[in-house]
C-alpha atoms as a PDB file:
ATOM      1  CA  MET A   1     146.821  38.263 194.609  1.00  0.00           C
ATOM      2  CA  SER A   2     146.926  41.492 192.644  1.00  0.00           C
ATOM      3  CA  MET A   3     145.210  42.031 189.370  1.00  0.00           C
ATOM      4  CA  LEU A   4     146.656  44.108 186.661  1.00  0.00           C
ATOM      5  CA  VAL A   5     144.307  45.876 184.472  1.00  0.00           C
ATOM      6  CA  ASP A   6     145.174  46.975 180.931  1.00  0.00           C
ATOM      7  CA  PRO A   7     144.120  50.604 180.668  1.00  0.00           C
ATOM      8  CA  ALA A   8     143.180  50.207 176.998  1.00  0.00           C
ATOM      9  CA  ALA A   9     140.947  47.317 177.901  1.00  0.00           C
ATOM     10  CA  ALA A  10     139.385  49.274 180.593  1.00  0.00           C
ATOM     11  CA  ALA A  11     138.491  52.274 178.506  1.00  0.00           C
ATOM     12  CA  PRO A  12     134.861  52.564 177.437  1.00  0.00           C
ATOM     13  CA  ALA A  13     134.063  51.390 174.010  1.00  0.00           C
ATOM     14  CA  PRO A  14     133.173  54.082 171.537  1.00  0.00           C
ATOM     15  CA  ALA A  15     129.475  54.496 170.676  1.00  0.00           C
ATOM     16  CA  PRO A  16     128.525  52.545 167.523  1.00  0.00           C
ATOM     17  CA  GLY A  17     129.099  54.652 164.531  1.00  0.00           C
ATOM     18  CA  ALA A  18     131.275  57.136 166.472  1.00  0.00           C
ATOM     19  CA  GLN A  19     134.620  58.001 164.998  1.00  0.00           C
ATOM     20  CA  SER A  20     137.703  58.667 166.950  1.00  0.00           C
ATOM     21  CA  PRO A  21     139.106  62.145 166.676  1.00  0.00           C
ATOM     22  CA  PRO A  22     141.738  62.414 163.855  1.00  0.00           C
ATOM     23  CA  SER A  23     145.415  62.338 164.869  1.00  0.00           C
ATOM     24  CA  ARG A  24     147.531  65.465 164.449  1.00  0.00           C
ATOM     25  CA  LYS A  25     149.139  63.910 161.329  1.00  0.00           C
ATOM     26  CA  GLN A  26     145.804  63.265 159.802  1.00  0.00           C
ATOM     27  CA  GLY A  27     144.656  66.746 160.584  1.00  0.00           C
ATOM     28  CA  LEU A  28     147.798  68.190 158.927  1.00  0.00           C
ATOM     29  CA  ALA A  29     147.241  66.023 155.901  1.00  0.00           C
ATOM     30  CA  ALA A  30     143.676  67.111 155.511  1.00  0.00           C
ATOM     31  CA  THR A  31     144.486  70.709 155.919  1.00  0.00           C
ATOM     32  CA  ALA A  32     147.325  70.563 153.357  1.00  0.00           C
ATOM     33  CA  LEU A  33     145.071  68.832 150.927  1.00  0.00           C
ATOM     34  CA  ALA A  34     142.361  71.408 151.348  1.00  0.00           C
ATOM     35  CA  PHE A  35     144.874  74.193 150.871  1.00  0.00           C
ATOM     36  CA  GLU A  36     146.181  72.509 147.705  1.00  0.00           C
ATOM     37  CA  GLN A  37     142.607  72.069 146.370  1.00  0.00           C
ATOM     38  CA  LEU A  38     141.904  75.775 147.082  1.00  0.00           C
ATOM     39  CA  LEU A  39     145.053  76.815 145.315  1.00  0.00           C
ATOM     40  CA  VAL A  40     144.213  74.749 142.283  1.00  0.00           C
ATOM     41  CA  ARG A  41     140.646  76.097 142.194  1.00  0.00           C
ATOM     42  CA  GLN A  42     141.998  79.618 142.332  1.00  0.00           C
ATOM     43  CA  LEU A  43     144.440  79.092 139.534  1.00  0.00           C
ATOM     44  CA  ALA A  44     141.767  77.419 137.408  1.00  0.00           C
ATOM     45  CA  ALA A  45     139.338  80.382 138.122  1.00  0.00           C
ATOM     46  CA  GLN A  46     141.977  82.809 137.072  1.00  0.00           C
ATOM     47  CA  LEU A  47     142.619  80.793 133.840  1.00  0.00           C
ATOM     48  CA  ALA A  48     138.891  80.740 133.103  1.00  0.00           C
ATOM     49  CA  ARG A  49     138.581  84.484 133.604  1.00  0.00           C
ATOM     50  CA  ALA A  50     141.595  85.086 131.489  1.00  0.00           C
ATOM     51  CA  THR A  51     140.192  83.045 128.496  1.00  0.00           C
ATOM     52  CA  GLU A  52     136.751  84.737 128.638  1.00  0.00           C
ATOM     53  CA  ASP A  53     135.582  86.442 125.459  1.00  0.00           C
ATOM     54  CA  ASP A  54     134.690  89.930 126.615  1.00  0.00           C
ATOM     55  CA  ASP A  55     132.790  90.569 123.396  1.00  0.00           C
ATOM     56  CA  GLU A  56     130.393  87.729 123.747  1.00  0.00           C
ATOM     57  CA  PRO A  57     129.832  86.752 127.399  1.00  0.00           C
ATOM     58  CA  GLY A  58     127.228  83.937 127.249  1.00  0.00           C
ATOM     59  CA  ALA A  59     125.971  80.925 129.058  1.00  0.00           C
ATOM     60  CA  ASP A  60     129.192  79.020 127.936  1.00  0.00           C
ATOM     61  CA  ALA A  61     131.459  81.644 129.475  1.00  0.00           C
ATOM     62  CA  ALA A  62     129.451  81.447 132.713  1.00  0.00           C
ATOM     63  CA  LEU A  63     129.715  77.684 132.790  1.00  0.00           C
ATOM     64  CA  VAL A  64     133.460  77.721 132.298  1.00  0.00           C
ATOM     65  CA  THR A  65     133.966  80.598 134.806  1.00  0.00           C
ATOM     66  CA  ASN A  66     131.743  78.957 137.519  1.00  0.00           C
ATOM     67  CA  LEU A  67     131.903  75.216 137.091  1.00  0.00           C
ATOM     68  CA  VAL A  68     135.230  74.222 135.609  1.00  0.00           C
ATOM     69  CA  PRO A  69     137.520  75.525 138.273  1.00  0.00           C
ATOM     70  CA  ASP A  70     135.650  73.446 140.925  1.00  0.00           C
ATOM     71  CA  ALA A  71     135.521  70.266 138.886  1.00  0.00           C
ATOM     72  CA  LEU A  72     139.209  70.719 138.027  1.00  0.00           C
ATOM     73  CA  ALA A  73     140.257  71.157 141.640  1.00  0.00           C
ATOM     74  CA  GLU A  74     138.143  68.217 142.810  1.00  0.00           C
ATOM     75  CA  GLY A  75     139.534  65.992 140.139  1.00  0.00           C
ATOM     76  CA  VAL A  76     143.141  66.911 140.841  1.00  0.00           C
ATOM     77  CA  ALA A  77     142.567  66.285 144.525  1.00  0.00           C
ATOM     78  CA  ALA A  78     141.007  62.990 143.869  1.00  0.00           C
ATOM     79  CA  ALA A  79     143.868  61.916 141.677  1.00  0.00           C
ATOM     80  CA  GLY A  80     146.288  62.672 144.618  1.00  0.00           C
ATOM     81  CA  GLY A  81     146.923  66.253 144.130  1.00  0.00           C
ATOM     82  CA  VAL A  82     149.857  67.966 142.418  1.00  0.00           C
ATOM     83  CA  GLY A  83     152.387  67.227 145.207  1.00  0.00           C
ATOM     84  CA  LEU A  84     152.039  70.481 147.100  1.00  0.00           C
ATOM     85  CA  ALA A  85     149.914  68.989 149.825  1.00  0.00           C
ATOM     86  CA  SER A  86     152.576  66.286 150.828  1.00  0.00           C
ATOM     87  CA  GLU A  87     155.268  68.860 150.880  1.00  0.00           C
ATOM     88  CA  LEU A  88     153.228  71.267 152.927  1.00  0.00           C
ATOM     89  CA  GLN A  89     152.326  68.433 155.372  1.00  0.00           C
ATOM     90  CA  ARG A  90     156.012  67.549 155.784  1.00  0.00           C
ATOM     91  CA  ALA A  91     156.947  71.156 156.459  1.00  0.00           C
ATOM     92  CA  LEU A  92     154.155  71.561 159.026  1.00  0.00           C
ATOM     93  CA  GLU A  93     155.229  68.378 160.804  1.00  0.00           C
ATOM     94  CA  ARG A  94     158.815  69.667 160.963  1.00  0.00           C
ATOM     95  CA  SER A  95     157.844  73.060 162.277  1.00  0.00           C
ATOM     96  CA  SER A  96     155.835  71.696 165.062  1.00  0.00           C
END
């Protein structure tokens, strides 16, 4: 009598709390979203610098220049992005 073993059942169970490595698709999605967030941060930083008042650089200007771009980029990413990440991910999937 031969016993068939399911390879998935025979594989060792992952350690408690261990995460499986991300799939290629998940990796591409994370990379695309990170790129989109970086782009939004850079655009917001440029906007903040363009609106600085050169005559009176003060604490308010420093706050806008330093904090608002990060907050805006994180907020846009948390809300699902601007659509660039999903398009970039699709393009990366097609090219590979």
